[in-house]
Amino acid sequence: MGFRNLIITQESRLSSQQGYLVVTMPEDVHKVHLSELDAIVLENPRVKVSGVLLNQLSQHNISLVLCDDKHHPSTMMLPLHGNFHRVKNINQQIAWKEDVKERVWQKIIQHKLSMQIQILNTFQRDASLLAEYVQNVEPGDATNREGLAAKVYFHQLFGSSFIRGSENPENWALNYGYAILSSYFSRTIAAKGYLTELGIKHKNEFNALNLAYDLMEPFRPLVDQRVKMLVQNEFTQKERHQLLDVVNEKIKINETVQFLPNAIDLYCQNIFNELDGKEEKLMALHWNKRRKG
């Protein structure tokens, strides 16, 4: 797995040469070895990508994210192969038991609320109600503690007038960050031989990333924290590039501190183990707190 995230903002042509990504622009040429790359984000719709490079990105499990004319991530490329047990894993995924999925979803939401509490505490906001909710999450979140917590959480973080989904810089930034996050989860899910379409809780027939949306829930607060720090009255290219750096956040999992891509890999595998009947408990998940400034 690479360690660099490349954002292409200018009209250019992307190709490959002897293991290198070659970015050809009107006045310059840049090369980056494919082994160094973790993800490529194409912000400019006039970027041209060679078919040979697309195949090599898939072989190296490098995420390719395409943005629309508003610079919001809209499309991503996922490998069709990469896991020798893909058919076996998909059959297991189809056969996941409902009671097991409900227990796993309970723990996912508990992790999400715990992470939200950590973020609110960082900004010295009242998290007492969320602390109460996290103790009352039932299997399958039957009483919708997640939904109730979300209203409290976003008002505490962004102010009482904030409405999730409205047109403002904070929501644009949240959507952008969540899309980047979902690309990492989708890539990991595909690499492990599972289908992103078949979710645990998300079951939208028009959503090809249902499982990614399920598993990324506890990690969304990392984006929220970044947006709170970076976005004031506008969401420009500068903030977009800074927000992409969320992948360099660190997560503490069972006493080990991991960069976000590795944490995603460990978290997904642990959940799959439980869903497949291999383990009984999910990992302990904590945000590795960093300074606000």
Protein backbone atom coordinates (compact mmCIF):
# COMPACT_ATOMS: atom_id res chain seq x y z
CA MET A 1 0.00 0.00 0.00
CA GLY A 2 1.31 3.42 -0.98
CA PHE A 3 1.53 6.54 1.12
CA ARG A 4 0.93 9.43 -1.30
CA ASN A 5 -2.37 10.96 -2.41
CA LEU A 6 -2.18 12.78 -5.73
CA ILE A 7 -4.65 15.48 -6.75
CA ILE A 8 -4.77 16.44 -10.43
CA THR A 9 -6.18 19.95 -10.87
CA GLN A 10 -4.82 20.92 -14.30
CA GLU A 11 -5.63 19.63 -17.77
CA SER A 12 -3.18 16.79 -18.35
CA ARG A 13 -2.66 13.26 -19.59
CA LEU A 14 -1.99 10.35 -17.23
CA SER A 15 -0.10 7.33 -18.52
CA SER A 16 2.36 4.73 -17.25
CA GLN A 17 5.98 3.98 -18.03
CA GLN A 18 8.14 1.29 -16.44
CA GLY A 19 6.21 1.26 -13.18
CA TYR A 20 5.76 5.02 -12.99
CA LEU A 21 2.70 7.22 -13.25
CA VAL A 22 3.49 9.88 -15.85
CA VAL A 23 1.58 13.15 -15.64
CA THR A 24 2.01 15.12 -18.87
CA MET A 25 0.94 18.77 -18.77
CA PRO A 26 1.33 21.44 -21.47
CA GLU A 27 4.50 22.81 -19.92
CA ASP A 28 5.84 20.05 -17.71
CA VAL A 29 6.05 16.31 -17.04
CA HIS A 30 5.99 14.65 -13.61
CA LYS A 31 6.64 11.03 -12.64
CA VAL A 32 5.64 9.15 -9.49
CA HIS A 33 6.36 5.48 -8.87
CA LEU A 34 3.13 3.52 -8.59
CA SER A 35 4.32 1.82 -5.39
CA GLU A 36 4.20 5.22 -3.65
CA LEU A 37 0.57 5.95 -4.54
CA ASP A 38 -2.44 5.27 -2.36
CA ALA A 39 -5.06 7.32 -4.22
CA ILE A 40 -5.46 9.67 -7.19
CA VAL A 41 -8.18 12.33 -7.27
CA LEU A 42 -9.03 13.85 -10.64
CA GLU A 43 -10.51 17.29 -10.02
CA ASN A 44 -10.20 18.50 -13.62
CA PRO A 45 -12.70 16.90 -16.04
CA ARG A 46 -10.23 17.39 -18.93
CA VAL A 47 -7.71 14.89 -17.56
CA LYS A 48 -7.11 11.97 -19.93
CA VAL A 49 -6.14 8.56 -18.54
CA SER A 50 -4.65 5.72 -20.59
CA GLY A 51 -6.16 2.25 -20.49
CA VAL A 52 -2.81 0.72 -19.59
CA LEU A 53 -2.58 2.98 -16.54
CA LEU A 54 -6.12 2.09 -15.46
CA ASN A 55 -5.18 -1.59 -15.44
CA GLN A 56 -2.02 -0.91 -13.46
CA LEU A 57 -3.91 1.19 -10.90
CA SER A 58 -6.26 -1.75 -10.39
CA GLN A 59 -3.37 -4.20 -10.04
CA HIS A 60 -1.71 -1.96 -7.44
CA ASN A 61 -5.04 -1.39 -5.63
CA ILE A 62 -4.73 2.39 -6.08
CA SER A 63 -7.98 4.31 -5.69
CA LEU A 64 -8.99 6.50 -8.61
CA VAL A 65 -11.61 9.11 -7.73
CA LEU A 66 -13.24 11.35 -10.35
CA CYS A 67 -14.88 14.64 -9.42
CA ASP A 68 -17.83 16.38 -11.08
CA ASP A 69 -17.92 19.97 -12.33
CA LYS A 70 -18.42 21.17 -8.74
CA HIS A 71 -15.27 19.31 -7.62
CA HIS A 72 -17.30 16.79 -5.61
CA PRO A 73 -16.19 13.13 -5.86
CA SER A 74 -18.72 11.40 -8.10
CA THR A 75 -17.09 8.21 -9.46
CA MET A 76 -14.46 5.75 -8.33
CA MET A 77 -12.72 2.76 -9.85
CA LEU A 78 -12.65 -0.54 -7.97
CA PRO A 79 -10.81 -3.74 -8.94
CA LEU A 80 -12.93 -6.74 -9.98
CA HIS A 81 -10.23 -9.16 -8.86
CA GLY A 82 -7.52 -9.21 -6.22
CA ASN A 83 -8.73 -11.79 -3.72
CA PHE A 84 -8.41 -15.54 -4.34
CA HIS A 85 -11.46 -16.25 -2.15
CA ARG A 86 -13.82 -13.76 -3.77
CA VAL A 87 -16.57 -16.26 -4.73
CA LYS A 88 -16.38 -17.94 -1.30
CA ASN A 89 -16.54 -14.57 0.49
CA ILE A 90 -19.49 -13.35 -1.57
CA ASN A 91 -21.41 -16.56 -0.83
CA GLN A 92 -20.69 -16.06 2.88
CA GLN A 93 -21.77 -12.43 2.60
CA ILE A 94 -25.10 -13.42 1.08
CA ALA A 95 -25.59 -15.92 3.92
CA TRP A 96 -24.80 -13.53 6.79
CA LYS A 97 -27.38 -14.14 9.53
CA GLU A 98 -29.72 -11.31 10.44
CA ASP A 99 -29.13 -11.59 14.19
CA VAL A 100 -25.37 -11.42 13.65
CA LYS A 101 -25.75 -8.38 11.39
CA GLU A 102 -27.88 -6.68 14.04
CA ARG A 103 -25.24 -7.28 16.73
CA VAL A 104 -22.49 -5.99 14.45
CA TRP A 105 -24.54 -2.91 13.58
CA GLN A 106 -25.07 -2.26 17.28
CA LYS A 107 -21.31 -2.21 17.82
CA ILE A 108 -20.68 -0.06 14.73
CA ILE A 109 -23.10 2.58 16.02
CA GLN A 110 -21.59 2.40 19.51
CA HIS A 111 -18.19 3.03 17.94
CA LYS A 112 -19.59 5.93 15.92
CA LEU A 113 -21.18 7.60 18.94
CA SER A 114 -18.00 7.10 20.97
CA MET A 115 -15.98 8.80 18.24
CA GLN A 116 -18.49 11.66 18.10
CA ILE A 117 -18.11 12.10 21.86
CA GLN A 118 -14.33 12.30 21.47
CA ILE A 119 -14.67 14.98 18.79
CA LEU A 120 -17.10 17.06 20.88
CA ASN A 121 -14.80 16.80 23.88
CA THR A 122 -11.93 18.09 21.74
CA PHE A 123 -13.89 21.26 21.02
CA GLN A 124 -15.15 21.43 24.62
CA ARG A 125 -18.77 20.85 23.61
CA ASP A 126 -21.40 19.10 25.70
CA ALA A 127 -21.43 15.36 24.90
CA SER A 128 -23.40 14.16 27.92
CA LEU A 129 -26.50 13.20 25.93
CA LEU A 130 -24.43 11.18 23.46
CA ALA A 131 -22.76 9.43 26.38
CA GLU A 132 -26.24 8.37 27.50
CA TYR A 133 -27.23 7.26 24.00
CA VAL A 134 -24.15 5.10 23.47
CA GLN A 135 -25.11 3.02 26.49
CA ASN A 136 -28.60 2.39 25.11
CA VAL A 137 -27.86 1.23 21.57
CA GLU A 138 -29.77 -1.99 20.93
CA PRO A 139 -29.04 -4.69 18.32
CA GLY A 140 -29.80 -3.25 14.91
CA ASP A 141 -30.11 0.14 16.64
CA ALA A 142 -33.82 -0.59 16.95
CA THR A 143 -34.50 2.64 18.88
CA ASN A 144 -32.52 4.81 16.43
CA ARG A 145 -29.95 6.14 18.88
CA GLU A 146 -27.81 7.06 15.85
CA GLY A 147 -30.45 9.41 14.44
CA LEU A 148 -31.18 11.04 17.78
CA ALA A 149 -27.47 11.49 18.46
CA ALA A 150 -26.87 13.04 15.04
CA LYS A 151 -29.19 15.98 15.76
CA VAL A 152 -27.48 16.72 19.05
CA TYR A 153 -23.99 16.13 17.66
CA PHE A 154 -24.18 18.41 14.61
CA HIS A 155 -25.84 21.21 16.58
CA GLN A 156 -23.13 21.00 19.22
CA LEU A 157 -20.36 20.92 16.63
CA PHE A 158 -21.56 23.45 14.04
CA GLY A 159 -24.19 25.47 15.93
CA SER A 160 -27.92 25.24 16.58
CA SER A 161 -28.82 26.66 13.16
CA PHE A 162 -26.88 23.99 11.27
CA ILE A 163 -29.02 21.65 9.14
CA ARG A 164 -27.38 18.60 7.64
CA GLY A 165 -28.04 18.52 3.91
CA SER A 166 -28.56 22.25 3.41
CA GLU A 167 -26.47 24.19 0.89
CA ASN A 168 -23.52 25.69 2.77
CA PRO A 169 -19.72 25.30 2.85
CA GLU A 170 -19.77 22.97 5.86
CA ASN A 171 -22.12 20.51 4.17
CA TRP A 172 -20.21 20.67 0.90
CA ALA A 173 -17.05 19.87 2.82
CA LEU A 174 -18.69 17.04 4.76
CA ASN A 175 -19.99 15.46 1.56
CA TYR A 176 -16.55 15.76 -0.04
CA GLY A 177 -14.80 14.20 2.93
CA TYR A 178 -17.32 11.39 3.27
CA ALA A 179 -16.94 10.58 -0.44
CA ILE A 180 -13.17 10.31 -0.05
CA LEU A 181 -13.68 8.11 3.01
CA SER A 182 -16.13 5.86 1.16
CA SER A 183 -13.60 5.38 -1.65
CA TYR A 184 -11.08 3.96 0.84
CA PHE A 185 -13.66 1.64 2.38
CA SER A 186 -14.91 0.52 -1.04
CA ARG A 187 -11.39 -0.25 -2.18
CA THR A 188 -10.71 -2.27 0.98
CA ILE A 189 -13.98 -4.19 0.73
CA ALA A 190 -13.34 -5.08 -2.91
CA ALA A 191 -9.74 -6.08 -2.20
CA LYS A 192 -10.94 -8.46 0.51
CA GLY A 193 -13.31 -10.16 -1.93
CA TYR A 194 -16.68 -8.80 -0.78
CA LEU A 195 -19.40 -6.85 -2.60
CA THR A 196 -19.87 -3.18 -1.75
CA GLU A 197 -23.50 -3.40 -2.92
CA LEU A 198 -24.67 -5.79 -0.18
CA GLY A 199 -24.84 -3.87 3.08
CA ILE A 200 -25.64 -4.65 6.68
CA LYS A 201 -28.01 -1.75 7.35
CA HIS A 202 -27.83 0.33 4.16
CA LYS A 203 -29.92 -1.48 1.53
CA ASN A 204 -30.64 1.17 -1.09
CA GLU A 205 -31.03 -0.63 -4.43
CA PHE A 206 -29.61 2.42 -6.23
CA ASN A 207 -26.52 2.61 -4.01
CA ALA A 208 -23.54 0.56 -5.17
CA LEU A 209 -21.65 1.33 -1.94
CA ASN A 210 -24.08 0.16 0.74
CA LEU A 211 -21.51 -1.89 2.65
CA ALA A 212 -18.92 0.89 2.47
CA TYR A 213 -21.45 3.31 3.97
CA ASP A 214 -22.11 0.80 6.75
CA LEU A 215 -18.51 0.23 7.73
CA MET A 216 -17.37 3.85 7.46
CA GLU A 217 -19.88 5.14 10.04
CA PRO A 218 -17.43 5.21 13.00
CA PHE A 219 -14.88 7.07 10.86
CA ARG A 220 -17.15 9.91 9.71
CA PRO A 221 -16.36 12.00 12.83
CA LEU A 222 -12.76 12.27 11.61
CA VAL A 223 -14.08 14.20 8.62
CA ASP A 224 -16.37 16.26 10.86
CA GLN A 225 -13.43 17.29 12.99
CA ARG A 226 -11.41 18.36 9.95
CA VAL A 227 -14.30 20.34 8.52
CA LYS A 228 -14.81 22.14 11.82
CA MET A 229 -11.13 23.11 11.84
CA LEU A 230 -10.73 24.06 8.17
CA VAL A 231 -13.99 25.43 6.83
CA GLN A 232 -15.27 28.88 7.76
CA ASN A 233 -17.20 30.77 5.11
CA GLU A 234 -16.07 29.00 1.95
CA PHE A 235 -15.00 25.64 0.60
CA THR A 236 -12.32 26.20 -2.03
CA GLN A 237 -9.56 24.17 -3.63
CA LYS A 238 -7.34 24.92 -0.65
CA GLU A 239 -9.81 23.41 1.82
CA ARG A 240 -10.46 20.44 -0.46
CA HIS A 241 -6.77 19.60 -0.56
CA GLN A 242 -6.41 20.03 3.19
CA LEU A 243 -9.44 17.84 3.80
CA LEU A 244 -7.96 15.04 1.72
CA ASP A 245 -5.21 14.89 4.34
CA VAL A 246 -7.75 13.19 6.62
CA VAL A 247 -6.27 9.90 5.37
CA ASN A 248 -3.18 10.74 7.42
CA GLU A 249 -5.18 10.70 10.65
CA LYS A 250 -4.25 8.04 13.18
CA ILE A 251 -6.60 5.58 14.84
CA LYS A 252 -5.88 3.55 17.95
CA ILE A 253 -7.08 -0.03 17.56
CA ASN A 254 -6.48 -2.43 20.44
CA GLU A 255 -3.44 -0.58 21.77
CA THR A 256 -1.85 -0.12 18.33
CA VAL A 257 -1.84 3.24 16.53
CA GLN A 258 -2.46 3.00 12.78
CA PHE A 259 -2.69 5.47 9.93
CA LEU A 260 -6.23 5.65 8.58
CA PRO A 261 -5.80 3.30 5.56
CA ASN A 262 -4.34 0.57 7.79
CA ALA A 263 -7.01 1.19 10.44
CA ILE A 264 -9.71 0.81 7.78
CA ASP A 265 -8.18 -2.49 6.66
CA LEU A 266 -8.04 -3.85 10.22
CA TYR A 267 -11.53 -2.64 11.09
CA CYS A 268 -13.11 -4.11 7.96
CA GLN A 269 -11.36 -7.44 8.42
CA ASN A 270 -12.44 -7.66 12.03
CA ILE A 271 -16.06 -7.01 11.09
CA PHE A 272 -15.93 -9.56 8.29
CA ASN A 273 -14.49 -12.11 10.71
CA GLU A 274 -17.41 -11.63 13.06
CA LEU A 275 -19.99 -11.69 10.28
CA ASP A 276 -18.43 -14.87 8.91
CA GLY A 277 -18.49 -16.46 12.39
CA LYS A 278 -14.73 -16.35 13.00
CA GLU A 279 -14.65 -13.91 15.93
CA GLU A 280 -17.03 -12.81 18.68
CA LYS A 281 -15.84 -9.29 19.45
CA LEU A 282 -15.06 -6.19 17.43
CA MET A 283 -11.91 -4.21 18.09
CA ALA A 284 -11.75 -1.27 20.46
CA LEU A 285 -11.63 1.87 18.33
CA HIS A 286 -10.34 5.28 19.42
CA TRP A 287 -9.33 8.47 17.68
CA ASN A 288 -5.67 9.32 18.26
CA LYS A 289 -6.27 12.88 19.43
CA ARG A 290 -4.35 15.64 17.73
CA ARG A 291 -4.06 19.35 18.36
CA LYS A 292 -6.76 21.64 16.97
CA GLY A 293 -4.27 24.07 15.53
